[in-house]
Amino acid sequence: MAEPLLQLAQLSAGYGLARVINDVSLTLEAGRSLAVLGRNGTGKTTLLNTIIGATRHLGGTIRFEGRDITKLRSDLRARGGIGWVPQERNIFKSLTVEENLTAVAQPGAWDVEAVYRLFPRLKERRGNMGNQLSGGEQQMLAVARALVLNPRLILLDEPTEGLAPIIIEELLAALKRITRDEGLSAIIVEQHAQKILGVTDAAIILDRGAIVHQSTSASLIADPAPLETHLGVTGKKAGVRGGH
């Protein structure tokens, strides 16, 4: 039987003396996607930061493709196949869209033309500097930059935060294609459940750094009671709707 792509076992981590993640255990199979939900300050971003190696390890293990990477440097994790799209986006604002992509591209299925097909807006803006793009276009470029590294797992931290509704729809359609059609494994942190459950296979809800609910995304859509319990929103308020 094949090893899971990612396996966290009793993982605890934080910053300095502060423990933010507590005994988190989860498994992600190759080709699957996971939504990480929770209120502000519950450890969602810290969980991603821990997977990429940017927090203080306080216990437990991280295995990626069967290999223990718990003590591995973050740059080696990235080189080993973990892509990351932080909230800050981290694009090169003084380079053009195309230069942003070619500067980091690694051989694989996701080349510059492939991400242009995914994000036609970026192709239209290929000669524009990063600082000439709208917030939504910068977010698309951040996702595209992660994709051209051809990772086996992509982590996205609040990808829809602060974007206009029409851009959110475009971005969600792209994420759906990445996860559903292309089969790229993904972990997507999102504060608003309605935006992400339709494009992920499974979901966890974090509270105080611990997993308090774990299920398929489809079951959360069908029965949003855990969202009300842990996020304080009803299914109707959350806008949870079916569809994958």
Foldseek 3Di string as FASTA:
>chain_A
DFDAQKWWAQWWWAADPDIQAGGATDTHHFLFEEEEEAAPSQCLVVVVCQQLPNTGTDDTFMAGRNHTCNPPHNVVSLLQFEFEQEPVLPFQQAAFLQCSQVVQADDDDLHPVNLCVLPVVCVVRRGPGNVVDDPLVSLSSSVSNRCRNVGQEYEYEASCPPHDPVSLVSVLVSLLCVRPVVSRYYYYYHHQLQSPLQRGQWYFYGGSNYTPDIGTSQVCLVPVVVCCVGVVDDSVRSVHDYHD
